[in-house]
Amino acid sequence: MASVGPYGVRPGHALITMVEPHPGHEYAYNRWYEDDHYIAGAMAMPWIYAGRRWVATRELRALRYPAESAVAQPVTTGCYLATYWITEGRYAEHMRWTVAINKRLNRDGRVHRARTHVFTSFQDHEATVYRDGAAGPRDHHALDHPYRGLVLQVVDARSAGERAELLEWLRARHLPARLKGSPAAMVTVFRPTPLPVDRMSYVEQVEGVDTRLTLLWFLQEDPRERWEASFTGLDETVAESGLGRTELVAPFVPTIPGTDTYVDQLR
């Protein structure tokens, strides 16, 4: 597998998964995911080369909008977010491996059932926009660099035929303007791909494959420090463009590996 084919550093694809542990299972879920699944179910697989977990306390989830979201119902659902980079051109090979290993993990009883997948999909990289041009970490560093926060934004184009126009507006106009003076150093933009038919039964098929874009804003500050100035009104700006609708704007902070920090702040 390694002797031929692409092996660059660009994050050509991503796994982005937002999950809600069931009430009363928050500690058990956190320890299972971090101690076992993050490694055996993701990082140990071929072509995943970076990963990071993020958490949204009840205070952070209270900042989310819009209230009527096509992604999360209610919009405060989804305490944990995990993001992974996959080597460009290796998506198909990775998917064969991930389906096989997850079937094995299920057979071996190494899957925590008391959780709901709110927003889980593999996605293809479309663009990265930097605040400071050539200065600073690149997108392939984003999950290793000690960013202090992340904002997940999900946008739907009005139609499949208009997604390319929405992407170009985001890349060329909206994001460069919004990043000026922002605590965000970069924004990566992805589009979702369908999950395989032999996926795990507890993971819903991806919605919005033809219309949706997923934006990850990587922050050098805690998102609460300048939330009002930097991250409110993103839905209004997209709506004013006439190109789409924002379905979710959700702030997170990084988890602290090996600890249960923030678990007591989820409910």
Protein backbone atom coordinates (compact mmCIF):
# COMPACT_ATOMS: atom_id res chain seq x y z
CA MET A 1 0.00 0.00 0.00
CA ALA A 2 2.83 2.44 0.75
CA SER A 3 5.04 1.62 -2.24
CA VAL A 4 2.79 3.32 -4.80
CA GLY A 5 0.24 6.13 -4.86
CA PRO A 6 0.05 9.59 -3.24
CA TYR A 7 1.83 10.31 0.02
CA GLY A 8 1.83 14.08 0.30
CA VAL A 9 1.12 16.24 3.32
CA ARG A 10 -1.99 18.09 2.13
CA PRO A 11 -5.22 17.35 4.04
CA GLY A 12 -7.08 16.15 1.00
CA HIS A 13 -9.88 14.67 3.08
CA ALA A 14 -11.19 14.86 6.62
CA LEU A 15 -13.33 12.95 9.05
CA ILE A 16 -15.46 15.42 11.02
CA THR A 17 -17.70 13.91 13.69
CA MET A 18 -19.85 15.65 16.31
CA VAL A 19 -21.29 13.32 18.94
CA GLU A 20 -23.65 13.60 21.91
CA PRO A 21 -23.00 11.19 24.80
CA HIS A 22 -26.23 10.08 26.40
CA PRO A 23 -27.03 11.71 29.77
CA GLY A 24 -25.29 9.89 32.60
CA HIS A 25 -22.65 8.41 30.27
CA GLU A 26 -20.47 11.50 29.77
CA TYR A 27 -17.43 10.25 31.73
CA ALA A 28 -17.62 6.73 30.33
CA TYR A 29 -17.90 8.04 26.77
CA ASN A 30 -14.97 10.42 27.19
CA ARG A 31 -12.69 7.74 28.58
CA TRP A 32 -13.71 5.16 25.93
CA TYR A 33 -13.20 7.56 23.05
CA GLU A 34 -9.91 8.97 24.25
CA ASP A 35 -8.38 5.80 25.72
CA ASP A 36 -9.44 3.43 22.97
CA HIS A 37 -11.45 4.63 19.98
CA TYR A 38 -9.43 7.73 19.11
CA ILE A 39 -6.42 5.46 18.64
CA ALA A 40 -7.75 2.06 17.49
CA GLY A 41 -10.70 3.50 15.57
CA ALA A 42 -8.89 6.39 13.91
CA MET A 43 -5.25 7.32 14.46
CA ALA A 44 -3.88 3.80 13.99
CA MET A 45 -5.44 3.54 10.54
CA PRO A 46 -3.49 4.12 7.33
CA TRP A 47 -3.52 7.62 5.84
CA ILE A 48 -4.98 9.43 8.87
CA TYR A 49 -2.00 11.56 9.85
CA ALA A 50 -3.41 14.10 12.35
CA GLY A 51 -6.32 14.32 14.75
CA ARG A 52 -7.73 16.45 17.53
CA ARG A 53 -10.71 16.31 19.85
CA TRP A 54 -12.76 19.34 20.85
CA VAL A 55 -15.43 19.88 23.51
CA ALA A 56 -18.34 22.30 23.93
CA THR A 57 -19.36 22.97 27.51
CA ARG A 58 -22.92 24.09 28.27
CA GLU A 59 -21.64 27.70 28.23
CA LEU A 60 -20.16 27.26 24.75
CA ARG A 61 -23.23 25.44 23.43
CA ALA A 62 -25.40 28.34 24.57
CA LEU A 63 -23.59 30.51 21.97
CA ARG A 64 -24.63 28.34 19.02
CA TYR A 65 -26.96 29.49 16.31
CA PRO A 66 -29.27 29.49 14.39
CA ALA A 67 -31.88 28.15 16.79
CA GLU A 68 -33.54 26.23 13.94
CA SER A 69 -30.66 24.13 12.64
CA ALA A 70 -30.75 21.42 9.99
CA VAL A 71 -27.64 19.91 11.61
CA ALA A 72 -28.47 19.66 15.32
CA GLN A 73 -31.94 19.44 16.88
CA PRO A 74 -31.91 21.13 19.31
CA VAL A 75 -28.97 23.26 18.27
CA THR A 76 -27.20 22.58 21.59
CA THR A 77 -26.89 18.86 20.79
CA GLY A 78 -23.34 17.57 20.28
CA CYS A 79 -20.86 18.01 23.13
CA TYR A 80 -17.79 16.56 21.43
CA LEU A 81 -16.19 17.12 18.04
CA ALA A 82 -13.35 15.07 16.57
CA THR A 83 -11.43 16.15 13.46
CA TYR A 84 -8.97 14.08 11.45
CA TRP A 85 -6.86 14.79 8.36
CA ILE A 86 -6.52 12.12 5.67
CA THR A 87 -3.80 12.17 3.02
CA GLU A 88 -4.98 13.50 -0.32
CA GLY A 89 -5.77 10.72 -2.80
CA ARG A 90 -6.03 8.00 -0.16
CA TYR A 91 -9.71 8.28 0.72
CA ALA A 92 -10.87 5.06 -0.97
CA GLU A 93 -8.12 2.98 0.64
CA HIS A 94 -8.78 4.50 4.03
CA MET A 95 -12.52 3.81 3.78
CA ARG A 96 -11.93 0.12 3.07
CA TRP A 97 -9.80 -0.07 6.20
CA THR A 98 -12.11 1.95 8.45
CA VAL A 99 -15.21 -0.08 7.57
CA ALA A 100 -13.33 -3.32 8.27
CA ILE A 101 -11.81 -2.20 11.57
CA ASN A 102 -15.09 -0.77 12.86
CA LYS A 103 -16.86 -4.04 12.11
CA ARG A 104 -14.17 -5.80 14.13
CA LEU A 105 -14.42 -3.31 17.00
CA ASN A 106 -18.16 -3.97 17.13
CA ARG A 107 -17.68 -7.74 17.18
CA ASP A 108 -15.12 -7.40 19.96
CA GLY A 109 -17.37 -5.23 22.14
CA ARG A 110 -15.15 -2.15 21.86
CA VAL A 111 -17.85 0.33 20.85
CA HIS A 112 -19.58 2.62 23.36
CA ARG A 113 -23.27 2.49 22.51
CA ALA A 114 -24.60 5.30 24.73
CA ARG A 115 -24.00 8.06 22.20
CA THR A 116 -25.67 9.72 19.21
CA HIS A 117 -23.91 10.82 16.03
CA VAL A 118 -25.18 14.33 15.38
CA PHE A 119 -22.96 15.29 12.45
CA THR A 120 -20.55 12.68 11.14
CA SER A 121 -19.07 12.56 7.66
CA PHE A 122 -15.96 12.10 5.61
CA GLN A 123 -15.30 15.23 3.60
CA ASP A 124 -13.13 16.41 0.71
CA HIS A 125 -10.96 19.50 1.11
CA GLU A 126 -12.02 22.43 -1.07
CA ALA A 127 -10.06 25.45 0.18
CA THR A 128 -8.03 26.98 2.98
CA VAL A 129 -8.00 30.73 3.62
CA TYR A 130 -5.29 32.24 5.83
CA ARG A 131 -5.51 35.46 7.81
CA ASP A 132 -1.80 36.25 7.60
CA GLY A 133 -0.88 34.96 4.16
CA ALA A 134 2.35 32.97 4.11
CA ALA A 135 3.05 33.54 7.81
CA GLY A 136 2.10 30.96 10.42
CA PRO A 137 1.16 27.27 10.37
CA ARG A 138 -0.29 25.71 7.22
CA ASP A 139 -3.51 23.71 7.13
CA HIS A 140 -1.66 20.41 7.46
CA HIS A 141 -0.37 21.69 10.83
CA ALA A 142 -3.82 22.75 12.07
CA LEU A 143 -4.60 19.70 14.19
CA ASP A 144 -1.13 19.62 15.77
CA HIS A 145 -0.71 23.34 16.43
CA PRO A 146 -1.97 24.36 19.92
CA TYR A 147 -4.97 26.36 18.77
CA ARG A 148 -7.13 27.46 21.69
CA GLY A 149 -10.47 27.05 19.97
CA LEU A 150 -12.38 26.02 16.90
CA VAL A 151 -15.65 27.17 15.36
CA LEU A 152 -17.61 24.70 13.26
CA GLN A 153 -19.78 26.39 10.62
CA VAL A 154 -22.06 24.46 8.30
CA VAL A 155 -23.49 26.22 5.24
CA ASP A 156 -25.95 24.94 2.65
CA ALA A 157 -26.10 26.36 -0.87
CA ARG A 158 -29.57 27.07 -2.25
CA SER A 159 -29.10 24.29 -4.80
CA ALA A 160 -26.48 21.80 -5.93
CA GLY A 161 -25.72 23.94 -8.95
CA GLU A 162 -24.96 26.96 -6.78
CA ARG A 163 -22.50 25.33 -4.38
CA ALA A 164 -19.49 26.18 -6.55
CA GLU A 165 -20.55 29.84 -6.58
CA LEU A 166 -21.02 29.80 -2.80
CA LEU A 167 -17.57 28.27 -2.37
CA GLU A 168 -15.95 30.91 -4.58
CA TRP A 169 -17.69 33.71 -2.67
CA LEU A 170 -16.48 32.27 0.62
CA ARG A 171 -12.93 31.73 -0.59
CA ALA A 172 -12.40 34.99 -2.46
CA ARG A 173 -14.57 37.53 -0.66
CA HIS A 174 -16.24 36.60 2.61
CA LEU A 175 -13.51 34.70 4.45
CA PRO A 176 -10.59 37.05 3.64
CA ALA A 177 -12.64 40.01 4.85
CA ARG A 178 -13.91 38.25 7.96
CA LEU A 179 -10.46 36.98 8.96
CA LYS A 180 -8.91 40.47 9.11
CA GLY A 181 -8.35 41.27 12.77
CA SER A 182 -10.00 38.01 13.76
CA PRO A 183 -8.74 35.56 16.41
CA ALA A 184 -8.95 32.90 13.67
CA ALA A 185 -5.66 32.19 11.88
CA MET A 186 -7.22 30.10 9.12
CA VAL A 187 -10.44 28.59 7.85
CA THR A 188 -10.52 25.22 6.10
CA VAL A 189 -13.48 24.43 3.83
CA PHE A 190 -14.67 20.89 3.09
CA ARG A 191 -17.60 19.27 1.29
CA PRO A 192 -19.17 16.03 2.56
CA THR A 193 -19.06 12.73 0.72
CA PRO A 194 -21.60 9.88 1.08
CA LEU A 195 -20.85 7.20 3.64
CA PRO A 196 -20.46 3.67 2.26
CA VAL A 197 -23.51 1.44 2.25
CA ASP A 198 -21.76 -0.99 4.63
CA ARG A 199 -21.19 1.71 7.29
CA MET A 200 -22.11 1.05 10.90
CA SER A 201 -25.89 1.05 11.44
CA TYR A 202 -25.72 3.68 14.20
CA VAL A 203 -24.25 6.29 11.81
CA GLU A 204 -26.85 8.04 9.65
CA GLN A 205 -26.21 8.61 5.95
CA VAL A 206 -24.80 12.06 5.24
CA GLU A 207 -27.24 14.82 4.33
CA GLY A 208 -26.53 17.71 2.00
CA VAL A 209 -23.87 15.91 -0.04
CA ASP A 210 -24.67 18.05 -3.09
CA THR A 211 -25.24 21.40 -1.34
CA ARG A 212 -23.30 21.52 1.94
CA LEU A 213 -19.95 23.06 2.91
CA THR A 214 -18.24 22.63 6.27
CA LEU A 215 -15.97 25.39 7.60
CA LEU A 216 -13.46 24.94 10.43
CA TRP A 217 -12.21 28.20 11.95
CA PHE A 218 -8.97 27.65 13.92
CA LEU A 219 -8.67 30.18 16.75
CA GLN A 220 -5.67 31.55 18.63
CA GLU A 221 -7.95 32.61 21.50
CA ASP A 222 -10.72 31.01 23.51
CA PRO A 223 -13.82 31.54 21.34
CA ARG A 224 -15.61 33.31 24.21
CA GLU A 225 -13.07 36.12 24.35
CA ARG A 226 -14.31 37.87 21.19
CA TRP A 227 -17.38 35.90 20.26
CA GLU A 228 -19.70 38.86 19.86
CA ALA A 229 -17.31 40.85 17.68
CA SER A 230 -15.93 38.04 15.56
CA PHE A 231 -18.51 35.28 15.22
CA THR A 232 -22.02 36.61 15.59
CA GLY A 233 -23.87 37.44 12.39
CA LEU A 234 -22.19 34.84 10.17
CA ASP A 235 -25.63 33.56 9.25
CA GLU A 236 -26.82 37.03 8.24
CA THR A 237 -23.80 37.60 6.00
CA VAL A 238 -24.34 34.33 4.16
CA ALA A 239 -28.05 35.07 3.78
CA GLU A 240 -27.32 38.54 2.40
CA SER A 241 -25.12 36.99 -0.29
CA GLY A 242 -28.19 35.21 -1.65
CA LEU A 243 -26.13 32.05 -2.11
CA GLY A 244 -27.07 29.92 0.88
CA ARG A 245 -28.05 29.48 4.50
CA THR A 246 -25.95 28.88 7.60
CA GLU A 247 -27.21 25.79 9.44
CA LEU A 248 -24.79 25.82 12.37
CA VAL A 249 -22.19 28.01 14.04
CA ALA A 250 -20.73 26.16 17.04
CA PRO A 251 -17.67 27.02 19.17
CA PHE A 252 -15.40 24.45 20.82
CA VAL A 253 -12.21 24.33 22.87
CA PRO A 254 -9.63 21.52 22.68
CA THR A 255 -9.88 18.64 25.11
CA ILE A 256 -6.94 17.96 27.40
CA PRO A 257 -5.80 14.42 26.56
CA GLY A 258 -5.64 11.96 29.42
CA THR A 259 -8.07 13.91 31.60
CA ASP A 260 -11.79 14.37 32.16
CA THR A 261 -11.46 18.15 32.10
CA TYR A 262 -14.75 19.83 31.07
CA VAL A 263 -16.89 16.71 31.51
CA ASP A 264 -18.45 18.22 34.63
CA GLN A 265 -19.36 21.32 32.60
CA LEU A 266 -21.36 19.55 29.89
CA ARG A 267 -24.78 19.53 31.61
